[in-house]
Amino acid sequence: MDLMSSYFVKTYINQGLDYHYLTHASPCLNVIATPLIGDSRLDVTMVDFGPVLMIKRLNHGAAIEEYRFPAHVMGIQLPTNLDQSVDVFRQSPGGQCHTPFLTSGAKAQWVVPDNVPFYQLHIDARWLRKLLGESAMRDYLELSLAPSRKAYDRGTLFTVAAACDLALQVGLTARENKQALSSDDIAQLIKQILLPCLQSELLEFKASPRQKILGKALDYIHKHYASPISLTTLAEVSATSVRNLQMVFKNELDVSPGSYIQQFRLHRFRHTLAMAASVTEAAYASGFKHLGRLTERYAQVFNHKPSSQLSSEPVQPLELGDPFQGDWQAS
């Protein structure tokens, strides 16, 4: 894969979207999202640099997001240059698939807080390997193995956040002025973000027992949501007691395990409706057996009937397309 000489930047700026329209409108964002209460909207600014998609986002409502990255895409989550963003970033669950530095083809399971801005970067690993070299890529792999987000140095995160702010502004300005950015310009922006991380020593922290329990429980729910899930079974697979499992969910997410399961199923149901032939088909595929109660609950959360979403098209389509499938324009 050759590095191009320059790229025309594409942007999608300051648009509030709920998860349904976000995930159906942009094929480059393969995300399964579960707002912890009701529905959730996001303020999203995206800049497509070609081999790098940068997203600055703010959730109006906490959520758990599960991303599945293609074999050649690396996913990164980073804080913005605010005390609250850095502190919340470091306190979020780490280890397993909760690490903010994902290797290509990995699965991310990120807890996204309410009203705290974050950055996400989706980077073509083939491009990055040529840019950084094999040694730096091995250093990146070490970042992805940190068992706790407290292992990431707070001062370094502020430096990285400032570099993200700069890259975002450069991209927005280039788009506004209809100017192409050279490959060297983009490479320098991404190096300013990643090199401080690669050069920083990881601190000695272990993932907390509560976060390990939460990770195992979420993994099980996300895999088996279409089947009945008892609290006893969920506690067993999470290596804890039912009472402790309930306390972990309350302390970490401020919801009960049962409430989260119902929320996950409800939002899977809404996602499935857009591809289903009938409401019944989507309901059973999402683990619901009582259509009457489901229809009532759906209307309460989304303010319309499930049938209105059958095979629906997003009303606010994004213009990005897939930045990692050759959708780059050379000057």
C-alpha atoms as a PDB file:
ATOM      1  CA  MET A   1       0.000   0.000   0.000  1.00  0.00           C
ATOM      2  CA  ASP A   2       1.578   3.277  -1.122  1.00  0.00           C
ATOM      3  CA  LEU A   3       1.482   6.433   0.934  1.00  0.00           C
ATOM      4  CA  MET A   4      -0.230   9.143  -1.078  1.00  0.00           C
ATOM      5  CA  SER A   5       1.289  12.575  -1.514  1.00  0.00           C
ATOM      6  CA  SER A   6      -1.767  14.469  -0.211  1.00  0.00           C
ATOM      7  CA  TYR A   7      -5.348  14.089   0.955  1.00  0.00           C
ATOM      8  CA  PHE A   8      -8.498  16.167   0.714  1.00  0.00           C
ATOM      9  CA  VAL A   9     -10.003  16.314   4.183  1.00  0.00           C
ATOM     10  CA  LYS A  10     -13.700  15.536   4.701  1.00  0.00           C
ATOM     11  CA  THR A  11     -15.593  16.641   7.784  1.00  0.00           C
ATOM     12  CA  TYR A  12     -18.884  16.120   9.547  1.00  0.00           C
ATOM     13  CA  ILE A  13     -19.271  18.905  12.071  1.00  0.00           C
ATOM     14  CA  ASN A  14     -21.260  19.514  15.265  1.00  0.00           C
ATOM     15  CA  GLN A  15     -24.228  17.275  14.513  1.00  0.00           C
ATOM     16  CA  GLY A  16     -26.313  15.765  17.287  1.00  0.00           C
ATOM     17  CA  LEU A  17     -27.235  12.186  16.415  1.00  0.00           C
ATOM     18  CA  ASP A  18     -28.727   9.314  18.325  1.00  0.00           C
ATOM     19  CA  TYR A  19     -26.998   5.972  18.046  1.00  0.00           C
ATOM     20  CA  HIS A  20     -29.516   4.499  15.632  1.00  0.00           C
ATOM     21  CA  TYR A  21     -28.873   7.095  12.942  1.00  0.00           C
ATOM     22  CA  LEU A  22     -25.150   7.267  13.641  1.00  0.00           C
ATOM     23  CA  THR A  23     -24.583   3.537  13.202  1.00  0.00           C
ATOM     24  CA  HIS A  24     -26.867   3.165  10.182  1.00  0.00           C
ATOM     25  CA  ALA A  25     -25.573   6.238   8.388  1.00  0.00           C
ATOM     26  CA  SER A  26     -21.830   5.640   8.508  1.00  0.00           C
ATOM     27  CA  PRO A  27     -20.422   2.264   7.403  1.00  0.00           C
ATOM     28  CA  CYS A  28     -17.004   3.102   8.843  1.00  0.00           C
ATOM     29  CA  LEU A  29     -18.424   3.088  12.400  1.00  0.00           C
ATOM     30  CA  ASN A  30     -19.283  -0.490  13.257  1.00  0.00           C
ATOM     31  CA  VAL A  31     -20.630   0.105  16.756  1.00  0.00           C
ATOM     32  CA  ILE A  32     -23.162  -1.544  19.045  1.00  0.00           C
ATOM     33  CA  ALA A  33     -24.149   1.049  21.623  1.00  0.00           C
ATOM     34  CA  THR A  34     -26.283   0.757  24.741  1.00  0.00           C
ATOM     35  CA  PRO A  35     -27.343   3.950  26.514  1.00  0.00           C
ATOM     36  CA  LEU A  36     -27.674   3.106  30.199  1.00  0.00           C
ATOM     37  CA  ILE A  37     -31.019   4.906  30.483  1.00  0.00           C
ATOM     38  CA  GLY A  38     -33.512   5.538  27.675  1.00  0.00           C
ATOM     39  CA  ASP A  39     -31.949   6.871  24.500  1.00  0.00           C
ATOM     40  CA  SER A  40     -28.838   8.998  24.064  1.00  0.00           C
ATOM     41  CA  ARG A  41     -27.750  11.684  21.644  1.00  0.00           C
ATOM     42  CA  LEU A  42     -24.193  12.558  20.707  1.00  0.00           C
ATOM     43  CA  ASP A  43     -22.614  15.809  19.574  1.00  0.00           C
ATOM     44  CA  VAL A  44     -20.217  14.581  16.904  1.00  0.00           C
ATOM     45  CA  THR A  45     -17.444  16.256  14.947  1.00  0.00           C
ATOM     46  CA  MET A  46     -15.568  13.984  12.534  1.00  0.00           C
ATOM     47  CA  VAL A  47     -12.526  14.728  10.409  1.00  0.00           C
ATOM     48  CA  ASP A  48     -11.514  12.207   7.761  1.00  0.00           C
ATOM     49  CA  PHE A  49      -7.794  12.595   7.044  1.00  0.00           C
ATOM     50  CA  GLY A  50      -7.773   9.623   4.666  1.00  0.00           C
ATOM     51  CA  PRO A  51      -5.862   6.968   6.605  1.00  0.00           C
ATOM     52  CA  VAL A  52      -7.089   8.432   9.904  1.00  0.00           C
ATOM     53  CA  LEU A  53     -10.638   9.136  11.039  1.00  0.00           C
ATOM     54  CA  MET A  54     -10.724  11.497  14.037  1.00  0.00           C
ATOM     55  CA  ILE A  55     -13.923  11.863  16.077  1.00  0.00           C
ATOM     56  CA  LYS A  56     -14.574  14.347  18.847  1.00  0.00           C
ATOM     57  CA  ARG A  57     -17.768  13.442  20.633  1.00  0.00           C
ATOM     58  CA  LEU A  58     -19.866  14.323  23.661  1.00  0.00           C
ATOM     59  CA  ASN A  59     -22.572  11.995  24.963  1.00  0.00           C
ATOM     60  CA  HIS A  60     -25.848  13.284  26.372  1.00  0.00           C
ATOM     61  CA  GLY A  61     -26.409  10.177  28.468  1.00  0.00           C
ATOM     62  CA  ALA A  62     -23.893   7.541  29.562  1.00  0.00           C
ATOM     63  CA  ALA A  63     -23.509   4.478  27.340  1.00  0.00           C
ATOM     64  CA  ILE A  64     -21.493   1.341  26.687  1.00  0.00           C
ATOM     65  CA  GLU A  65     -20.132   1.072  23.166  1.00  0.00           C
ATOM     66  CA  GLU A  66     -18.759  -2.029  21.511  1.00  0.00           C
ATOM     67  CA  TYR A  67     -16.685  -1.508  18.363  1.00  0.00           C
ATOM     68  CA  ARG A  68     -15.509  -4.190  15.990  1.00  0.00           C
ATOM     69  CA  PHE A  69     -12.581  -2.971  13.928  1.00  0.00           C
ATOM     70  CA  PRO A  70     -11.643  -4.478  10.556  1.00  0.00           C
ATOM     71  CA  ALA A  71      -8.426  -6.461  10.277  1.00  0.00           C
ATOM     72  CA  HIS A  72      -6.448  -3.417   9.126  1.00  0.00           C
ATOM     73  CA  VAL A  73      -7.956  -0.765  11.445  1.00  0.00           C
ATOM     74  CA  MET A  74      -6.690   0.256  14.885  1.00  0.00           C
ATOM     75  CA  GLY A  75      -8.999   2.025  17.330  1.00  0.00           C
ATOM     76  CA  ILE A  76      -7.913   4.546  19.963  1.00  0.00           C
ATOM     77  CA  GLN A  77      -9.858   6.438  22.611  1.00  0.00           C
ATOM     78  CA  LEU A  78      -8.263   9.538  24.160  1.00  0.00           C
ATOM     79  CA  PRO A  79      -9.360  12.357  26.482  1.00  0.00           C
ATOM     80  CA  THR A  80      -9.701  16.004  25.571  1.00  0.00           C
ATOM     81  CA  ASN A  81      -7.550  18.669  27.187  1.00  0.00           C
ATOM     82  CA  LEU A  82      -9.794  19.060  30.255  1.00  0.00           C
ATOM     83  CA  ASP A  83      -9.172  17.884  33.825  1.00  0.00           C
ATOM     84  CA  GLN A  84     -12.545  16.114  33.917  1.00  0.00           C
ATOM     85  CA  SER A  85     -11.964  14.309  30.623  1.00  0.00           C
ATOM     86  CA  VAL A  86      -8.484  13.086  31.647  1.00  0.00           C
ATOM     87  CA  ASP A  87      -9.633  12.006  35.113  1.00  0.00           C
ATOM     88  CA  VAL A  88     -12.704  10.157  33.837  1.00  0.00           C
ATOM     89  CA  PHE A  89     -10.577   8.525  31.117  1.00  0.00           C
ATOM     90  CA  ARG A  90      -8.159   7.122  33.701  1.00  0.00           C
ATOM     91  CA  GLN A  91     -10.962   5.925  35.993  1.00  0.00           C
ATOM     92  CA  SER A  92     -12.835   4.062  33.239  1.00  0.00           C
ATOM     93  CA  PRO A  93     -12.573   0.258  33.096  1.00  0.00           C
ATOM     94  CA  GLY A  94      -9.340  -1.058  31.625  1.00  0.00           C
ATOM     95  CA  GLY A  95      -7.926  -4.430  30.640  1.00  0.00           C
ATOM     96  CA  GLN A  96      -9.366  -7.059  28.302  1.00  0.00           C
ATOM     97  CA  CYS A  97     -11.283  -5.261  25.546  1.00  0.00           C
ATOM     98  CA  HIS A  98     -11.637  -2.042  27.579  1.00  0.00           C
ATOM     99  CA  THR A  99      -8.146  -0.797  26.722  1.00  0.00           C
ATOM    100  CA  PRO A 100      -8.187   2.526  24.811  1.00  0.00           C
ATOM    101  CA  PHE A 101      -5.390   1.357  22.484  1.00  0.00           C
ATOM    102  CA  LEU A 102      -6.767  -1.399  20.269  1.00  0.00           C
ATOM    103  CA  THR A 103      -4.686  -3.456  17.873  1.00  0.00           C
ATOM    104  CA  SER A 104      -5.951  -3.992  14.338  1.00  0.00           C
ATOM    105  CA  GLY A 105      -8.944  -6.304  14.136  1.00  0.00           C
ATOM    106  CA  ALA A 106      -9.617  -6.029  17.886  1.00  0.00           C
ATOM    107  CA  LYS A 107     -12.893  -5.452  19.711  1.00  0.00           C
ATOM    108  CA  ALA A 108     -13.343  -2.428  21.959  1.00  0.00           C
ATOM    109  CA  GLN A 109     -15.873  -2.236  24.749  1.00  0.00           C
ATOM    110  CA  TRP A 110     -15.813   1.335  26.024  1.00  0.00           C
ATOM    111  CA  VAL A 111     -17.814   2.869  28.864  1.00  0.00           C
ATOM    112  CA  VAL A 112     -18.678   6.379  27.652  1.00  0.00           C
ATOM    113  CA  PRO A 113     -19.665   8.840  30.395  1.00  0.00           C
ATOM    114  CA  ASP A 114     -22.381  11.458  30.303  1.00  0.00           C
ATOM    115  CA  ASN A 115     -21.369  14.991  29.338  1.00  0.00           C
ATOM    116  CA  VAL A 116     -17.604  14.356  29.156  1.00  0.00           C
ATOM    117  CA  PRO A 117     -15.901  14.965  25.772  1.00  0.00           C
ATOM    118  CA  PHE A 118     -13.589  12.332  24.292  1.00  0.00           C
ATOM    119  CA  TYR A 119     -11.628  11.693  21.127  1.00  0.00           C
ATOM    120  CA  GLN A 120     -11.655   8.518  19.044  1.00  0.00           C
ATOM    121  CA  LEU A 121      -9.169   7.731  16.309  1.00  0.00           C
ATOM    122  CA  HIS A 122      -9.612   4.973  13.760  1.00  0.00           C
ATOM    123  CA  ILE A 123      -6.281   4.478  11.978  1.00  0.00           C
ATOM    124  CA  ASP A 124      -5.351   2.313   9.010  1.00  0.00           C
ATOM    125  CA  ALA A 125      -2.702   0.034  10.557  1.00  0.00           C
ATOM    126  CA  ARG A 126      -1.026  -0.554   7.182  1.00  0.00           C
ATOM    127  CA  TRP A 127      -0.422   3.188   6.831  1.00  0.00           C
ATOM    128  CA  LEU A 128       0.700   3.554  10.442  1.00  0.00           C
ATOM    129  CA  ARG A 129       3.174   0.675  10.220  1.00  0.00           C
ATOM    130  CA  LYS A 130       4.884   2.322   7.261  1.00  0.00           C
ATOM    131  CA  LEU A 131       4.840   5.642   9.078  1.00  0.00           C
ATOM    132  CA  LEU A 132       6.227   4.512  12.449  1.00  0.00           C
ATOM    133  CA  GLY A 133       8.121   1.332  11.618  1.00  0.00           C
ATOM    134  CA  GLU A 134       8.014  -2.071  13.281  1.00  0.00           C
ATOM    135  CA  SER A 135       9.740  -1.010  16.500  1.00  0.00           C
ATOM    136  CA  ALA A 136       7.194   1.693  17.280  1.00  0.00           C
ATOM    137  CA  MET A 137       4.359  -0.666  16.415  1.00  0.00           C
ATOM    138  CA  ARG A 138       5.681  -3.092  19.025  1.00  0.00           C
ATOM    139  CA  ASP A 139       5.653  -0.234  21.536  1.00  0.00           C
ATOM    140  CA  TYR A 140       2.038   0.439  20.593  1.00  0.00           C
ATOM    141  CA  LEU A 141       1.196  -3.190  21.301  1.00  0.00           C
ATOM    142  CA  GLU A 142       2.553  -2.726  24.834  1.00  0.00           C
ATOM    143  CA  LEU A 143       0.087   0.149  25.333  1.00  0.00           C
ATOM    144  CA  SER A 144      -2.773  -2.165  24.399  1.00  0.00           C
ATOM    145  CA  LEU A 145      -1.796  -4.631  27.149  1.00  0.00           C
ATOM    146  CA  ALA A 146      -2.096  -2.230  30.111  1.00  0.00           C
ATOM    147  CA  PRO A 147      -4.588  -3.802  32.571  1.00  0.00           C
ATOM    148  CA  SER A 148      -5.745  -0.458  33.996  1.00  0.00           C
ATOM    149  CA  ARG A 149      -6.242   3.003  32.521  1.00  0.00           C
ATOM    150  CA  LYS A 150      -4.527   4.370  35.607  1.00  0.00           C
ATOM    151  CA  ALA A 151      -1.333   3.030  34.043  1.00  0.00           C
ATOM    152  CA  TYR A 152      -1.361   5.879  31.520  1.00  0.00           C
ATOM    153  CA  ASP A 153       0.533   8.906  32.812  1.00  0.00           C
ATOM    154  CA  ARG A 154      -1.764  11.882  33.461  1.00  0.00           C
ATOM    155  CA  GLY A 155       0.713  14.469  32.191  1.00  0.00           C
ATOM    156  CA  THR A 156       1.244  12.530  28.979  1.00  0.00           C
ATOM    157  CA  LEU A 157      -2.493  12.364  28.408  1.00  0.00           C
ATOM    158  CA  PHE A 158      -2.720  16.163  28.580  1.00  0.00           C
ATOM    159  CA  THR A 159       0.066  16.428  26.002  1.00  0.00           C
ATOM    160  CA  VAL A 160      -1.709  13.943  23.731  1.00  0.00           C
ATOM    161  CA  ALA A 161      -5.042  15.717  24.194  1.00  0.00           C
ATOM    162  CA  ALA A 162      -3.512  19.021  23.112  1.00  0.00           C
ATOM    163  CA  ALA A 163      -2.125  17.299  20.001  1.00  0.00           C
ATOM    164  CA  CYS A 164      -5.628  15.954  19.238  1.00  0.00           C
ATOM    165  CA  ASP A 165      -7.071  19.468  19.585  1.00  0.00           C
ATOM    166  CA  LEU A 166      -4.483  20.763  17.109  1.00  0.00           C
ATOM    167  CA  ALA A 167      -5.108  17.977  14.582  1.00  0.00           C
ATOM    168  CA  LEU A 168      -8.856  18.542  14.703  1.00  0.00           C
ATOM    169  CA  GLN A 169      -8.485  22.268  14.109  1.00  0.00           C
ATOM    170  CA  VAL A 170      -6.038  21.744  11.244  1.00  0.00           C
ATOM    171  CA  GLY A 171      -8.478  19.344   9.601  1.00  0.00           C
ATOM    172  CA  LEU A 172     -11.462  21.663   9.989  1.00  0.00           C
ATOM    173  CA  THR A 173      -9.506  24.608   8.608  1.00  0.00           C
ATOM    174  CA  ALA A 174      -8.270  22.607   5.608  1.00  0.00           C
ATOM    175  CA  ARG A 175     -11.826  21.546   4.825  1.00  0.00           C
ATOM    176  CA  GLU A 176     -13.144  25.088   5.159  1.00  0.00           C
ATOM    177  CA  ASN A 177     -10.441  26.411   2.834  1.00  0.00           C
ATOM    178  CA  LYS A 178     -10.807  23.439   0.436  1.00  0.00           C
ATOM    179  CA  GLN A 179      -7.105  22.728   0.714  1.00  0.00           C
ATOM    180  CA  ALA A 180      -5.431  19.326   0.555  1.00  0.00           C
ATOM    181  CA  LEU A 181      -3.132  18.301   3.384  1.00  0.00           C
ATOM    182  CA  SER A 182       0.123  16.664   2.404  1.00  0.00           C
ATOM    183  CA  SER A 183       0.922  13.184   3.630  1.00  0.00           C
ATOM    184  CA  ASP A 184       3.797  14.714   5.616  1.00  0.00           C
ATOM    185  CA  ASP A 185       1.405  17.144   7.324  1.00  0.00           C
ATOM    186  CA  ILE A 186      -0.912  14.319   8.366  1.00  0.00           C
ATOM    187  CA  ALA A 187       1.991  12.137   9.446  1.00  0.00           C
ATOM    188  CA  GLN A 188       3.307  14.916  11.697  1.00  0.00           C
ATOM    189  CA  LEU A 189      -0.119  15.455  13.294  1.00  0.00           C
ATOM    190  CA  ILE A 190      -0.493  11.753  14.098  1.00  0.00           C
ATOM    191  CA  LYS A 191       3.068  11.450  15.389  1.00  0.00           C
ATOM    192  CA  GLN A 192       2.402  14.321  17.812  1.00  0.00           C
ATOM    193  CA  ILE A 193      -0.528  12.310  19.161  1.00  0.00           C
ATOM    194  CA  LEU A 194       1.031   8.846  19.339  1.00  0.00           C
ATOM    195  CA  LEU A 195       4.727   9.378  20.068  1.00  0.00           C
ATOM    196  CA  PRO A 196       4.216  10.802  23.595  1.00  0.00           C
ATOM    197  CA  CYS A 197       2.156   7.688  24.374  1.00  0.00           C
ATOM    198  CA  LEU A 198       4.775   5.366  22.921  1.00  0.00           C
ATOM    199  CA  GLN A 199       7.615   7.087  24.767  1.00  0.00           C
ATOM    200  CA  SER A 200       5.863   7.284  28.144  1.00  0.00           C
ATOM    201  CA  GLU A 201       6.422   4.659  30.817  1.00  0.00           C
ATOM    202  CA  LEU A 202       3.300   2.768  31.833  1.00  0.00           C
ATOM    203  CA  LEU A 203       2.685   3.011  35.573  1.00  0.00           C
ATOM    204  CA  GLU A 204       2.193  -0.094  37.707  1.00  0.00           C
ATOM    205  CA  PHE A 205      -1.551  -0.507  38.165  1.00  0.00           C
ATOM    206  CA  LYS A 206      -3.756  -3.567  38.018  1.00  0.00           C
ATOM    207  CA  ALA A 207      -7.352  -3.734  36.867  1.00  0.00           C
ATOM    208  CA  SER A 208      -9.678  -3.639  39.872  1.00  0.00           C
ATOM    209  CA  PRO A 209     -11.698  -6.757  40.770  1.00  0.00           C
ATOM    210  CA  ARG A 210     -14.903  -4.803  40.115  1.00  0.00           C
ATOM    211  CA  GLN A 211     -13.809  -3.890  36.608  1.00  0.00           C
ATOM    212  CA  LYS A 212     -12.864  -7.496  35.846  1.00  0.00           C
ATOM    213  CA  ILE A 213     -16.301  -8.638  36.997  1.00  0.00           C
ATOM    214  CA  LEU A 214     -18.007  -5.947  34.933  1.00  0.00           C
ATOM    215  CA  GLY A 215     -16.024  -6.875  31.817  1.00  0.00           C
ATOM    216  CA  LYS A 216     -16.914 -10.563  32.058  1.00  0.00           C
ATOM    217  CA  ALA A 217     -20.576  -9.776  32.688  1.00  0.00           C
ATOM    218  CA  LEU A 218     -20.847  -7.372  29.758  1.00  0.00           C
ATOM    219  CA  ASP A 219     -19.133  -9.841  27.431  1.00  0.00           C
ATOM    220  CA  TYR A 220     -21.629 -12.534  28.387  1.00  0.00           C
ATOM    221  CA  ILE A 221     -24.659 -10.275  27.977  1.00  0.00           C
ATOM    222  CA  HIS A 222     -23.502  -9.063  24.573  1.00  0.00           C
ATOM    223  CA  LYS A 223     -23.025 -12.627  23.329  1.00  0.00           C
ATOM    224  CA  HIS A 224     -26.142 -14.246  24.821  1.00  0.00           C
ATOM    225  CA  TYR A 225     -28.740 -11.454  24.897  1.00  0.00           C
ATOM    226  CA  ALA A 226     -31.128 -13.317  22.583  1.00  0.00           C
ATOM    227  CA  SER A 227     -31.446 -16.136  25.158  1.00  0.00           C
ATOM    228  CA  PRO A 228     -32.751 -15.991  28.749  1.00  0.00           C
ATOM    229  CA  ILE A 229     -30.071 -14.702  31.167  1.00  0.00           C
ATOM    230  CA  SER A 230     -30.480 -15.296  34.880  1.00  0.00           C
ATOM    231  CA  LEU A 231     -28.571 -13.326  37.499  1.00  0.00           C
ATOM    232  CA  THR A 232     -27.261 -16.621  38.863  1.00  0.00           C
ATOM    233  CA  THR A 233     -25.729 -17.568  35.521  1.00  0.00           C
ATOM    234  CA  LEU A 234     -24.351 -14.060  35.017  1.00  0.00           C
ATOM    235  CA  ALA A 235     -22.737 -14.143  38.463  1.00  0.00           C
ATOM    236  CA  GLU A 236     -21.205 -17.561  37.801  1.00  0.00           C
ATOM    237  CA  VAL A 237     -19.580 -16.544  34.512  1.00  0.00           C
ATOM    238  CA  SER A 238     -18.326 -13.366  36.224  1.00  0.00           C
ATOM    239  CA  ALA A 239     -16.785 -15.375  39.102  1.00  0.00           C
ATOM    240  CA  THR A 240     -18.731 -13.566  41.817  1.00  0.00           C
ATOM    241  CA  SER A 241     -21.952 -13.709  43.837  1.00  0.00           C
ATOM    242  CA  VAL A 242     -25.300 -12.326  42.710  1.00  0.00           C
ATOM    243  CA  ARG A 243     -25.199  -9.689  45.444  1.00  0.00           C
ATOM    244  CA  ASN A 244     -21.691  -8.546  44.508  1.00  0.00           C
ATOM    245  CA  LEU A 245     -22.599  -8.528  40.812  1.00  0.00           C
ATOM    246  CA  GLN A 246     -25.485  -6.175  41.582  1.00  0.00           C
ATOM    247  CA  MET A 247     -23.195  -3.933  43.626  1.00  0.00           C
ATOM    248  CA  VAL A 248     -20.616  -3.814  40.819  1.00  0.00           C
ATOM    249  CA  PHE A 249     -23.201  -2.716  38.257  1.00  0.00           C
ATOM    250  CA  LYS A 250     -24.556  -0.101  40.657  1.00  0.00           C
ATOM    251  CA  ASN A 251     -21.117   1.290  41.519  1.00  0.00           C
ATOM    252  CA  GLU A 252     -19.652   1.220  38.013  1.00  0.00           C
ATOM    253  CA  LEU A 253     -22.690   1.982  35.832  1.00  0.00           C
ATOM    254  CA  ASP A 254     -25.400   3.143  38.269  1.00  0.00           C
ATOM    255  CA  VAL A 255     -27.864   0.570  36.863  1.00  0.00           C
ATOM    256  CA  SER A 256     -28.824  -2.980  37.828  1.00  0.00           C
ATOM    257  CA  PRO A 257     -27.755  -6.004  35.737  1.00  0.00           C
ATOM    258  CA  GLY A 258     -31.382  -6.649  34.805  1.00  0.00           C
ATOM    259  CA  SER A 259     -31.913  -3.062  33.665  1.00  0.00           C
ATOM    260  CA  TYR A 260     -28.795  -3.199  31.516  1.00  0.00           C
ATOM    261  CA  ILE A 261     -29.885  -6.456  29.887  1.00  0.00           C
ATOM    262  CA  GLN A 262     -33.255  -4.927  28.992  1.00  0.00           C
ATOM    263  CA  GLN A 263     -31.577  -1.789  27.645  1.00  0.00           C
ATOM    264  CA  PHE A 264     -29.182  -3.817  25.522  1.00  0.00           C
ATOM    265  CA  ARG A 265     -32.015  -5.898  24.087  1.00  0.00           C
ATOM    266  CA  LEU A 266     -34.145  -2.809  23.410  1.00  0.00           C
ATOM    267  CA  HIS A 267     -31.434  -1.065  21.428  1.00  0.00           C
ATOM    268  CA  ARG A 268     -30.526  -4.278  19.598  1.00  0.00           C
ATOM    269  CA  PHE A 269     -34.221  -4.524  18.715  1.00  0.00           C
ATOM    270  CA  ARG A 270     -34.226  -0.999  17.288  1.00  0.00           C
ATOM    271  CA  HIS A 271     -31.089  -1.723  15.280  1.00  0.00           C
ATOM    272  CA  THR A 272     -32.524  -5.019  13.984  1.00  0.00           C
ATOM    273  CA  LEU A 273     -35.817  -3.416  12.914  1.00  0.00           C
ATOM    274  CA  ALA A 274     -34.062  -1.545  10.122  1.00  0.00           C
ATOM    275  CA  MET A 275     -33.101  -4.888   8.545  1.00  0.00           C
ATOM    276  CA  ALA A 276     -36.056  -7.092   9.560  1.00  0.00           C
ATOM    277  CA  ALA A 277     -39.137  -8.154   7.626  1.00  0.00           C
ATOM    278  CA  SER A 278     -41.445  -7.820  10.640  1.00  0.00           C
ATOM    279  CA  VAL A 279     -41.577  -6.504  14.197  1.00  0.00           C
ATOM    280  CA  THR A 280     -42.008 -10.069  15.474  1.00  0.00           C
ATOM    281  CA  GLU A 281     -38.874 -11.247  13.676  1.00  0.00           C
ATOM    282  CA  ALA A 282     -36.807  -8.402  15.152  1.00  0.00           C
ATOM    283  CA  ALA A 283     -38.259  -8.960  18.630  1.00  0.00           C
ATOM    284  CA  TYR A 284     -37.412 -12.650  18.805  1.00  0.00           C
ATOM    285  CA  ALA A 285     -33.934 -12.016  17.378  1.00  0.00           C
ATOM    286  CA  SER A 286     -33.372  -9.547  20.228  1.00  0.00           C
ATOM    287  CA  GLY A 287     -34.517 -11.808  23.044  1.00  0.00           C
ATOM    288  CA  PHE A 288     -38.082 -10.479  23.529  1.00  0.00           C
ATOM    289  CA  LYS A 289     -41.056 -12.817  23.785  1.00  0.00           C
ATOM    290  CA  HIS A 290     -43.848 -10.439  24.898  1.00  0.00           C
ATOM    291  CA  LEU A 291     -44.581  -8.038  22.044  1.00  0.00           C
ATOM    292  CA  GLY A 292     -47.219  -6.031  23.911  1.00  0.00           C
ATOM    293  CA  ARG A 293     -44.913  -4.859  26.673  1.00  0.00           C
ATOM    294  CA  LEU A 294     -42.077  -4.379  24.191  1.00  0.00           C
ATOM    295  CA  THR A 295     -44.157  -2.086  21.957  1.00  0.00           C
ATOM    296  CA  GLU A 296     -45.198   0.008  24.955  1.00  0.00           C
ATOM    297  CA  ARG A 297     -41.627   0.297  26.222  1.00  0.00           C
ATOM    298  CA  TYR A 298     -40.295   1.127  22.762  1.00  0.00           C
ATOM    299  CA  ALA A 299     -42.791   3.949  22.325  1.00  0.00           C
ATOM    300  CA  GLN A 300     -41.867   5.376  25.732  1.00  0.00           C
ATOM    301  CA  VAL A 301     -38.153   5.505  24.889  1.00  0.00           C
ATOM    302  CA  PHE A 302     -38.177   6.426  21.197  1.00  0.00           C
ATOM    303  CA  ASN A 303     -41.523   8.261  20.821  1.00  0.00           C
ATOM    304  CA  HIS A 304     -42.768   6.170  17.896  1.00  0.00           C
ATOM    305  CA  LYS A 305     -43.977   2.668  17.148  1.00  0.00           C
ATOM    306  CA  PRO A 306     -41.544  -0.128  16.234  1.00  0.00           C
ATOM    307  CA  SER A 307     -43.261  -0.655  12.879  1.00  0.00           C
ATOM    308  CA  SER A 308     -42.196   2.824  11.768  1.00  0.00           C
ATOM    309  CA  GLN A 309     -38.543   1.705  11.854  1.00  0.00           C
ATOM    310  CA  LEU A 310     -38.885  -1.396   9.686  1.00  0.00           C
ATOM    311  CA  SER A 311     -36.297  -1.237   6.894  1.00  0.00           C
ATOM    312  CA  SER A 312     -35.876   2.480   7.583  1.00  0.00           C
ATOM    313  CA  GLU A 313     -33.254   4.717   6.033  1.00  0.00           C
ATOM    314  CA  PRO A 314     -31.292   7.135   8.214  1.00  0.00           C
ATOM    315  CA  VAL A 315     -32.720  10.629   8.040  1.00  0.00           C
ATOM    316  CA  GLN A 316     -29.356  12.284   8.634  1.00  0.00           C
ATOM    317  CA  PRO A 317     -26.848  10.463   6.416  1.00  0.00           C
ATOM    318  CA  LEU A 318     -23.170  11.128   6.923  1.00  0.00           C
ATOM    319  CA  GLU A 319     -20.952  11.948   3.985  1.00  0.00           C
ATOM    320  CA  LEU A 320     -17.804  10.181   5.107  1.00  0.00           C
ATOM    321  CA  GLY A 321     -18.297   6.758   3.616  1.00  0.00           C
ATOM    322  CA  ASP A 322     -15.507   4.344   4.500  1.00  0.00           C
ATOM    323  CA  PRO A 323     -12.140   6.097   4.846  1.00  0.00           C
ATOM    324  CA  PHE A 324     -10.227   2.800   4.842  1.00  0.00           C
ATOM    325  CA  GLN A 325     -11.353   1.373   1.507  1.00  0.00           C
ATOM    326  CA  GLY A 326      -9.547   3.538  -0.994  1.00  0.00           C
ATOM    327  CA  ASP A 327     -11.868   6.531  -0.644  1.00  0.00           C
ATOM    328  CA  TRP A 328      -8.930   8.926  -0.745  1.00  0.00           C
ATOM    329  CA  GLN A 329      -8.370  11.667  -3.323  1.00  0.00           C
ATOM    330  CA  ALA A 330      -4.878  12.685  -4.331  1.00  0.00           C
ATOM    331  CA  SER A 331      -4.187  16.233  -5.459  1.00  0.00           C
END
